[in-house]
Amino acid sequence: MDIHGLAQQMGLSIGMIERHYSNMTPRIKKDMFTGKRYELLAEEYAAQKADGGVGTA
């Protein structure tokens, strides 16, 4: 979502969003260019982790 739409939806100014969330910009752009960030839903991840299949070293 673009920052203008986000500001309008949240009832905030664009400046406020830029001041408080500008540290997230690189990650957001990376996600935008590389596609979907998470392959599993949170519930699927939790189930696989509980089974020892995800996030275990």
N, C-alpha and C. Protein backbone atom coordinates (compact mmCIF):
# COMPACT_ATOMS: atom_id res chain seq x y z
N MET A 1 0.85 -1.18 0.00
CA MET A 1 0.00 0.00 0.00
C MET A 1 0.89 1.23 0.00
N ASP A 2 0.51 2.23 -0.75
CA ASP A 2 1.31 3.45 -0.77
C ASP A 2 1.08 4.26 0.50
N ILE A 3 2.02 5.13 0.82
CA ILE A 3 1.99 5.88 2.08
C ILE A 3 0.80 6.83 2.16
N HIS A 4 0.36 7.35 1.03
CA HIS A 4 -0.78 8.27 1.04
C HIS A 4 -2.06 7.54 1.47
N GLY A 5 -2.29 6.38 0.89
CA GLY A 5 -3.46 5.58 1.25
C GLY A 5 -3.40 5.11 2.69
N LEU A 6 -2.20 4.73 3.12
CA LEU A 6 -2.02 4.29 4.50
C LEU A 6 -2.32 5.42 5.48
N ALA A 7 -1.80 6.60 5.21
CA ALA A 7 -2.05 7.75 6.08
C ALA A 7 -3.53 8.07 6.17
N GLN A 8 -4.20 8.03 5.05
CA GLN A 8 -5.64 8.31 5.02
C GLN A 8 -6.41 7.26 5.81
N GLN A 9 -6.07 5.99 5.59
CA GLN A 9 -6.76 4.90 6.28
C GLN A 9 -6.56 4.97 7.79
N MET A 10 -5.35 5.35 8.21
CA MET A 10 -5.03 5.39 9.64
C MET A 10 -5.41 6.72 10.29
N GLY A 11 -5.77 7.71 9.49
CA GLY A 11 -6.12 9.01 10.04
C GLY A 11 -4.90 9.77 10.55
N LEU A 12 -3.76 9.55 9.92
CA LEU A 12 -2.50 10.18 10.33
C LEU A 12 -1.96 11.00 9.18
N SER A 13 -0.97 11.84 9.49
CA SER A 13 -0.32 12.59 8.43
C SER A 13 0.80 11.75 7.81
N ILE A 14 1.13 12.06 6.59
CA ILE A 14 2.22 11.36 5.91
C ILE A 14 3.52 11.60 6.67
N GLY A 15 3.72 12.81 7.16
CA GLY A 15 4.93 13.13 7.93
C GLY A 15 5.07 12.28 9.17
N MET A 16 3.97 12.05 9.87
CA MET A 16 4.02 11.24 11.08
C MET A 16 4.41 9.81 10.75
N ILE A 17 3.84 9.27 9.69
CA ILE A 17 4.18 7.91 9.28
C ILE A 17 5.65 7.83 8.89
N GLU A 18 6.13 8.81 8.13
CA GLU A 18 7.53 8.82 7.74
C GLU A 18 8.46 8.92 8.94
N ARG A 19 8.12 9.75 9.92
CA ARG A 19 8.96 9.91 11.12
C ARG A 19 9.03 8.63 11.93
N HIS A 20 7.92 7.95 12.09
CA HIS A 20 7.87 6.81 13.00
C HIS A 20 8.12 5.47 12.34
N TYR A 21 7.96 5.38 11.03
CA TYR A 21 8.10 4.09 10.36
C TYR A 21 9.13 4.09 9.26
N SER A 22 9.92 5.15 9.11
CA SER A 22 10.90 5.20 8.03
C SER A 22 11.96 4.11 8.17
N ASN A 23 12.20 3.62 9.37
CA ASN A 23 13.16 2.55 9.56
C ASN A 23 12.70 1.25 8.91
N MET A 24 11.43 1.13 8.61
CA MET A 24 10.89 -0.07 7.99
C MET A 24 10.95 -0.01 6.47
N THR A 25 11.22 1.14 5.90
CA THR A 25 11.18 1.32 4.46
C THR A 25 12.06 0.32 3.70
N PRO A 26 13.31 0.10 4.08
CA PRO A 26 14.11 -0.87 3.32
C PRO A 26 13.50 -2.27 3.31
N ARG A 27 12.99 -2.73 4.44
CA ARG A 27 12.39 -4.06 4.50
C ARG A 27 11.12 -4.13 3.66
N ILE A 28 10.30 -3.10 3.73
CA ILE A 28 9.07 -3.07 2.95
C ILE A 28 9.39 -3.11 1.45
N LYS A 29 10.38 -2.33 1.02
CA LYS A 29 10.75 -2.33 -0.40
C LYS A 29 11.31 -3.68 -0.80
N LYS A 30 12.11 -4.32 0.05
CA LYS A 30 12.64 -5.64 -0.26
C LYS A 30 11.49 -6.61 -0.46
N ASP A 31 10.54 -6.60 0.47
CA ASP A 31 9.39 -7.49 0.37
C ASP A 31 8.59 -7.22 -0.90
N MET A 32 8.46 -5.96 -1.25
CA MET A 32 7.69 -5.59 -2.43
C MET A 32 8.36 -6.14 -3.70
N PHE A 33 9.69 -6.08 -3.75
CA PHE A 33 10.41 -6.52 -4.94
C PHE A 33 10.64 -8.03 -4.99
N THR A 34 10.71 -8.67 -3.84
CA THR A 34 11.01 -10.11 -3.83
C THR A 34 9.77 -10.97 -3.70
N GLY A 35 8.63 -10.36 -3.46
CA GLY A 35 7.40 -11.13 -3.38
C GLY A 35 6.99 -11.43 -1.96
N LYS A 36 6.18 -12.45 -1.82
CA LYS A 36 5.60 -12.82 -0.55
C LYS A 36 6.68 -13.11 0.49
N ARG A 37 6.52 -12.56 1.66
CA ARG A 37 7.53 -12.69 2.70
C ARG A 37 7.42 -13.99 3.47
N TYR A 38 6.24 -14.43 3.72
CA TYR A 38 6.05 -15.64 4.51
C TYR A 38 5.37 -16.70 3.64
N GLU A 39 5.94 -17.87 3.62
CA GLU A 39 5.39 -18.94 2.82
C GLU A 39 4.27 -19.68 3.56
N LEU A 40 4.33 -19.66 4.89
CA LEU A 40 3.35 -20.38 5.71
C LEU A 40 2.48 -19.40 6.49
N LEU A 41 1.25 -19.80 6.74
CA LEU A 41 0.41 -19.05 7.66
C LEU A 41 0.95 -19.26 9.06
N ALA A 42 0.66 -18.36 9.97
CA ALA A 42 1.16 -18.47 11.34
C ALA A 42 0.77 -19.80 11.97
N GLU A 43 -0.45 -20.25 11.70
CA GLU A 43 -0.92 -21.52 12.29
C GLU A 43 -0.13 -22.70 11.72
N GLU A 44 0.16 -22.65 10.41
CA GLU A 44 0.93 -23.72 9.78
C GLU A 44 2.35 -23.75 10.33
N TYR A 45 2.94 -22.56 10.49
CA TYR A 45 4.30 -22.47 11.04
C TYR A 45 4.35 -23.04 12.45
N ALA A 46 3.38 -22.65 13.29
CA ALA A 46 3.34 -23.13 14.67
C ALA A 46 3.19 -24.65 14.73
N ALA A 47 2.34 -25.19 13.86
CA ALA A 47 2.13 -26.64 13.83
C ALA A 47 3.40 -27.37 13.40
N GLN A 48 4.07 -26.86 12.37
CA GLN A 48 5.30 -27.50 11.90
C GLN A 48 6.42 -27.37 12.92
N LYS A 49 6.48 -26.21 13.59
CA LYS A 49 7.51 -26.02 14.61
C LYS A 49 7.30 -26.99 15.78
N ALA A 50 6.03 -27.18 16.16
CA ALA A 50 5.71 -28.09 17.24
C ALA A 50 6.10 -29.52 16.88
N ASP A 51 6.01 -29.85 15.59
CA ASP A 51 6.38 -31.18 15.10
C ASP A 51 7.89 -31.31 14.89
N GLY A 52 8.63 -30.20 15.04
CA GLY A 52 10.06 -30.24 14.84
C GLY A 52 10.50 -30.04 13.41
N GLY A 53 9.59 -29.57 12.55
CA GLY A 53 9.92 -29.45 11.13
C GLY A 53 10.35 -28.08 10.67
N VAL A 54 10.15 -27.02 11.48
CA VAL A 54 10.48 -25.66 11.07
C VAL A 54 11.21 -24.97 12.20
N GLY A 55 12.24 -24.24 11.83
CA GLY A 55 12.92 -23.38 12.80
C GLY A 55 13.73 -24.12 13.85
N THR A 56 13.99 -25.37 13.63
CA THR A 56 14.82 -26.10 14.59
C THR A 56 16.19 -26.31 13.97
N ALA A 57 17.21 -26.18 14.78
CA ALA A 57 18.58 -26.34 14.26
C ALA A 57 19.22 -27.59 14.81
